[in-house]
């Protein structure tokens, strides 16, 4: 049993060497090869050694998604899927990002008709922006 724990530990450590992972991600990946109690022991050890941190993972993940032009709704949903339920996104300016994403795709000019505006709104919605952020992206344009 000790050998399995060491192996689960080493596998998790290798994954963390490549990039940050949430506790849930590591659990799901390791569950394909190892027993649940071995996984729990390995991840608890990694957590106590500060090799695995959900907070550090969330910070890195949110910054990456923000840089990709994803909205707050999509980021929050992606975090929840990875086992991070509560993360404060207030430090990020999603209103400015929505405008930046819209302008980079459609240009600086505001849409001239309802059909074009609806198309742009759907695009921003698919990127995970909320209605307030989407509406502000049109108001901020000149």
C-alpha atoms as a PDB file:
ATOM      1  CA  UNK A   1       0.000   0.000   0.000  1.00  0.00           C
ATOM      2  CA  UNK A   2       2.887   2.353   0.759  1.00  0.00           C
ATOM      3  CA  UNK A   3       4.331   1.761  -2.722  1.00  0.00           C
ATOM      4  CA  UNK A   4       1.017   2.664  -4.356  1.00  0.00           C
ATOM      5  CA  UNK A   5       0.788   5.879  -2.338  1.00  0.00           C
ATOM      6  CA  UNK A   6       4.290   6.826  -3.429  1.00  0.00           C
ATOM      7  CA  UNK A   7       3.394   6.109  -7.041  1.00  0.00           C
ATOM      8  CA  UNK A   8       0.188   8.150  -6.850  1.00  0.00           C
ATOM      9  CA  UNK A   9       2.208  10.903  -5.197  1.00  0.00           C
ATOM     10  CA  UNK A  10       4.844  10.798  -7.953  1.00  0.00           C
ATOM     11  CA  UNK A  11       2.218  10.824 -10.704  1.00  0.00           C
ATOM     12  CA  UNK A  12       0.501  13.831  -9.154  1.00  0.00           C
ATOM     13  CA  UNK A  13       3.841  15.574  -8.696  1.00  0.00           C
ATOM     14  CA  UNK A  14       4.655  15.048 -12.385  1.00  0.00           C
ATOM     15  CA  UNK A  15       1.294  16.544 -13.367  1.00  0.00           C
ATOM     16  CA  UNK A  16       1.897  19.545 -11.124  1.00  0.00           C
ATOM     17  CA  UNK A  17       5.361  20.012 -12.614  1.00  0.00           C
ATOM     18  CA  UNK A  18       3.743  20.637 -16.001  1.00  0.00           C
ATOM     19  CA  UNK A  19       1.044  23.066 -14.800  1.00  0.00           C
ATOM     20  CA  UNK A  20      -1.142  23.870 -11.807  1.00  0.00           C
ATOM     21  CA  UNK A  21      -4.088  21.528 -11.232  1.00  0.00           C
ATOM     22  CA  UNK A  22      -7.037  21.765  -8.878  1.00  0.00           C
ATOM     23  CA  UNK A  23      -7.567  19.102  -6.234  1.00  0.00           C
ATOM     24  CA  UNK A  24     -10.558  17.778  -8.187  1.00  0.00           C
ATOM     25  CA  UNK A  25      -8.640  17.609 -11.479  1.00  0.00           C
ATOM     26  CA  UNK A  26      -5.853  15.612  -9.874  1.00  0.00           C
ATOM     27  CA  UNK A  27      -8.342  13.323  -8.153  1.00  0.00           C
ATOM     28  CA  UNK A  28     -10.119  12.597 -11.440  1.00  0.00           C
ATOM     29  CA  UNK A  29      -6.898  11.975 -13.360  1.00  0.00           C
ATOM     30  CA  UNK A  30      -5.384   9.746 -10.690  1.00  0.00           C
ATOM     31  CA  UNK A  31      -8.636   7.792 -10.212  1.00  0.00           C
ATOM     32  CA  UNK A  32      -7.996   6.050 -13.527  1.00  0.00           C
ATOM     33  CA  UNK A  33      -4.948   4.246 -12.084  1.00  0.00           C
ATOM     34  CA  UNK A  34      -5.015   4.392  -8.291  1.00  0.00           C
ATOM     35  CA  UNK A  35      -7.232   3.607  -5.294  1.00  0.00           C
ATOM     36  CA  UNK A  36      -9.195   6.442  -3.663  1.00  0.00           C
ATOM     37  CA  UNK A  37      -7.372   6.236  -0.311  1.00  0.00           C
ATOM     38  CA  UNK A  38      -3.960   6.317  -2.052  1.00  0.00           C
ATOM     39  CA  UNK A  39      -5.031   9.369  -4.032  1.00  0.00           C
ATOM     40  CA  UNK A  40      -6.289  11.140  -0.930  1.00  0.00           C
ATOM     41  CA  UNK A  41      -3.042  10.463   0.962  1.00  0.00           C
ATOM     42  CA  UNK A  42      -0.919  11.638  -1.967  1.00  0.00           C
ATOM     43  CA  UNK A  43      -2.921  14.826  -2.521  1.00  0.00           C
ATOM     44  CA  UNK A  44      -3.028  15.665   1.177  1.00  0.00           C
ATOM     45  CA  UNK A  45       0.756  15.330   1.292  1.00  0.00           C
ATOM     46  CA  UNK A  46       1.147  17.552  -1.777  1.00  0.00           C
ATOM     47  CA  UNK A  47      -1.203  20.102  -0.235  1.00  0.00           C
ATOM     48  CA  UNK A  48       0.697  20.118   3.065  1.00  0.00           C
ATOM     49  CA  UNK A  49       3.961  20.630   1.168  1.00  0.00           C
ATOM     50  CA  UNK A  50       2.289  23.506  -0.722  1.00  0.00           C
ATOM     51  CA  UNK A  51       2.866  21.818  -4.090  1.00  0.00           C
ATOM     52  CA  UNK A  52      -0.867  21.787  -4.761  1.00  0.00           C
ATOM     53  CA  UNK A  53      -2.992  24.833  -4.057  1.00  0.00           C
ATOM     54  CA  UNK A  54      -6.517  25.443  -5.313  1.00  0.00           C
ATOM     55  CA  UNK A  55      -6.050  29.183  -4.744  1.00  0.00           C
ATOM     56  CA  UNK A  56      -2.880  29.279  -6.851  1.00  0.00           C
ATOM     57  CA  UNK A  57      -4.563  27.166  -9.539  1.00  0.00           C
ATOM     58  CA  UNK A  58      -7.606  29.468  -9.596  1.00  0.00           C
ATOM     59  CA  UNK A  59      -5.477  32.622  -9.882  1.00  0.00           C
ATOM     60  CA  UNK A  60      -3.509  31.187 -12.788  1.00  0.00           C
ATOM     61  CA  UNK A  61      -6.601  29.763 -14.486  1.00  0.00           C
ATOM     62  CA  UNK A  62      -8.596  32.998 -14.240  1.00  0.00           C
ATOM     63  CA  UNK A  63      -5.694  35.063 -15.582  1.00  0.00           C
ATOM     64  CA  UNK A  64      -5.294  32.670 -18.521  1.00  0.00           C
ATOM     65  CA  UNK A  65      -9.023  32.737 -19.374  1.00  0.00           C
ATOM     66  CA  UNK A  66      -9.167  36.529 -18.947  1.00  0.00           C
ATOM     67  CA  UNK A  67      -6.258  36.893 -21.379  1.00  0.00           C
ATOM     68  CA  UNK A  68      -8.152  34.652 -23.831  1.00  0.00           C
ATOM     69  CA  UNK A  69     -11.072  37.109 -23.746  1.00  0.00           C
ATOM     70  CA  UNK A  70     -13.505  34.958 -21.770  1.00  0.00           C
ATOM     71  CA  UNK A  71     -16.228  36.556 -19.664  1.00  0.00           C
ATOM     72  CA  UNK A  72     -16.979  36.251 -15.963  1.00  0.00           C
ATOM     73  CA  UNK A  73     -19.845  33.779 -16.404  1.00  0.00           C
ATOM     74  CA  UNK A  74     -17.762  31.358 -18.461  1.00  0.00           C
ATOM     75  CA  UNK A  75     -14.778  31.626 -16.119  1.00  0.00           C
ATOM     76  CA  UNK A  76     -16.935  31.032 -13.035  1.00  0.00           C
ATOM     77  CA  UNK A  77     -18.541  28.007 -14.709  1.00  0.00           C
ATOM     78  CA  UNK A  78     -15.145  26.580 -15.724  1.00  0.00           C
ATOM     79  CA  UNK A  79     -13.832  27.039 -12.184  1.00  0.00           C
ATOM     80  CA  UNK A  80     -16.865  25.261 -10.753  1.00  0.00           C
ATOM     81  CA  UNK A  81     -16.253  22.321 -13.102  1.00  0.00           C
ATOM     82  CA  UNK A  82     -12.727  22.126 -11.715  1.00  0.00           C
ATOM     83  CA  UNK A  83     -13.874  22.111  -8.097  1.00  0.00           C
ATOM     84  CA  UNK A  84     -13.410  25.809  -7.257  1.00  0.00           C
ATOM     85  CA  UNK A  85     -16.766  27.112  -6.035  1.00  0.00           C
ATOM     86  CA  UNK A  86     -15.901  30.499  -4.552  1.00  0.00           C
ATOM     87  CA  UNK A  87     -13.439  32.773  -6.286  1.00  0.00           C
ATOM     88  CA  UNK A  88     -13.532  36.568  -6.273  1.00  0.00           C
ATOM     89  CA  UNK A  89     -13.509  37.854  -9.857  1.00  0.00           C
ATOM     90  CA  UNK A  90     -13.993  41.502  -8.830  1.00  0.00           C
ATOM     91  CA  UNK A  91     -10.307  42.314  -9.399  1.00  0.00           C
ATOM     92  CA  UNK A  92     -10.823  41.867 -13.144  1.00  0.00           C
ATOM     93  CA  UNK A  93     -12.451  44.493 -15.376  1.00  0.00           C
ATOM     94  CA  UNK A  94     -14.826  42.440 -17.501  1.00  0.00           C
ATOM     95  CA  UNK A  95     -16.595  45.564 -18.784  1.00  0.00           C
ATOM     96  CA  UNK A  96     -13.428  46.800 -20.506  1.00  0.00           C
ATOM     97  CA  UNK A  97     -12.636  43.274 -21.677  1.00  0.00           C
ATOM     98  CA  UNK A  98     -16.072  42.897 -23.300  1.00  0.00           C
ATOM     99  CA  UNK A  99     -15.508  46.123 -25.235  1.00  0.00           C
ATOM    100  CA  UNK A 100     -11.994  45.047 -26.208  1.00  0.00           C
ATOM    101  CA  UNK A 101     -13.217  41.648 -27.452  1.00  0.00           C
ATOM    102  CA  UNK A 102     -16.107  43.213 -29.382  1.00  0.00           C
ATOM    103  CA  UNK A 103     -13.896  45.862 -30.978  1.00  0.00           C
ATOM    104  CA  UNK A 104     -11.222  43.340 -31.952  1.00  0.00           C
ATOM    105  CA  UNK A 105     -13.826  41.177 -33.724  1.00  0.00           C
ATOM    106  CA  UNK A 106     -16.149  43.808 -35.223  1.00  0.00           C
ATOM    107  CA  UNK A 107     -14.230  47.078 -35.207  1.00  0.00           C
ATOM    108  CA  UNK A 108     -14.690  50.368 -33.396  1.00  0.00           C
ATOM    109  CA  UNK A 109     -17.930  51.363 -35.164  1.00  0.00           C
ATOM    110  CA  UNK A 110     -21.189  50.661 -33.328  1.00  0.00           C
ATOM    111  CA  UNK A 111     -23.624  48.333 -35.098  1.00  0.00           C
ATOM    112  CA  UNK A 112     -25.965  50.208 -37.412  1.00  0.00           C
ATOM    113  CA  UNK A 113     -29.033  48.005 -37.057  1.00  0.00           C
ATOM    114  CA  UNK A 114     -30.734  45.606 -34.674  1.00  0.00           C
ATOM    115  CA  UNK A 115     -29.642  42.487 -36.577  1.00  0.00           C
ATOM    116  CA  UNK A 116     -25.955  43.396 -36.394  1.00  0.00           C
ATOM    117  CA  UNK A 117     -26.213  44.381 -32.730  1.00  0.00           C
ATOM    118  CA  UNK A 118     -27.934  41.064 -31.917  1.00  0.00           C
ATOM    119  CA  UNK A 119     -25.174  39.177 -33.705  1.00  0.00           C
ATOM    120  CA  UNK A 120     -22.511  40.947 -31.650  1.00  0.00           C
ATOM    121  CA  UNK A 121     -24.464  40.384 -28.431  1.00  0.00           C
ATOM    122  CA  UNK A 122     -24.729  36.643 -29.147  1.00  0.00           C
ATOM    123  CA  UNK A 123     -20.996  36.499 -29.807  1.00  0.00           C
ATOM    124  CA  UNK A 124     -20.216  38.158 -26.477  1.00  0.00           C
ATOM    125  CA  UNK A 125     -22.721  35.904 -24.707  1.00  0.00           C
ATOM    126  CA  UNK A 126     -21.002  32.847 -26.162  1.00  0.00           C
ATOM    127  CA  UNK A 127     -17.742  34.164 -24.719  1.00  0.00           C
ATOM    128  CA  UNK A 128     -19.339  34.213 -21.263  1.00  0.00           C
ATOM    129  CA  UNK A 129     -20.094  37.886 -20.718  1.00  0.00           C
ATOM    130  CA  UNK A 130     -23.150  39.022 -18.774  1.00  0.00           C
ATOM    131  CA  UNK A 131     -25.821  41.355 -20.111  1.00  0.00           C
ATOM    132  CA  UNK A 132     -24.485  44.365 -18.179  1.00  0.00           C
ATOM    133  CA  UNK A 133     -20.992  43.823 -19.569  1.00  0.00           C
ATOM    134  CA  UNK A 134     -22.356  43.368 -23.099  1.00  0.00           C
ATOM    135  CA  UNK A 135     -24.517  46.497 -22.951  1.00  0.00           C
ATOM    136  CA  UNK A 136     -21.620  48.545 -21.585  1.00  0.00           C
ATOM    137  CA  UNK A 137     -19.430  47.395 -24.469  1.00  0.00           C
ATOM    138  CA  UNK A 138     -21.831  49.187 -26.822  1.00  0.00           C
ATOM    139  CA  UNK A 139     -22.237  52.277 -24.623  1.00  0.00           C
ATOM    140  CA  UNK A 140     -18.501  52.761 -24.277  1.00  0.00           C
ATOM    141  CA  UNK A 141     -18.001  52.829 -28.039  1.00  0.00           C
ATOM    142  CA  UNK A 142     -18.224  56.066 -29.900  1.00  0.00           C
END
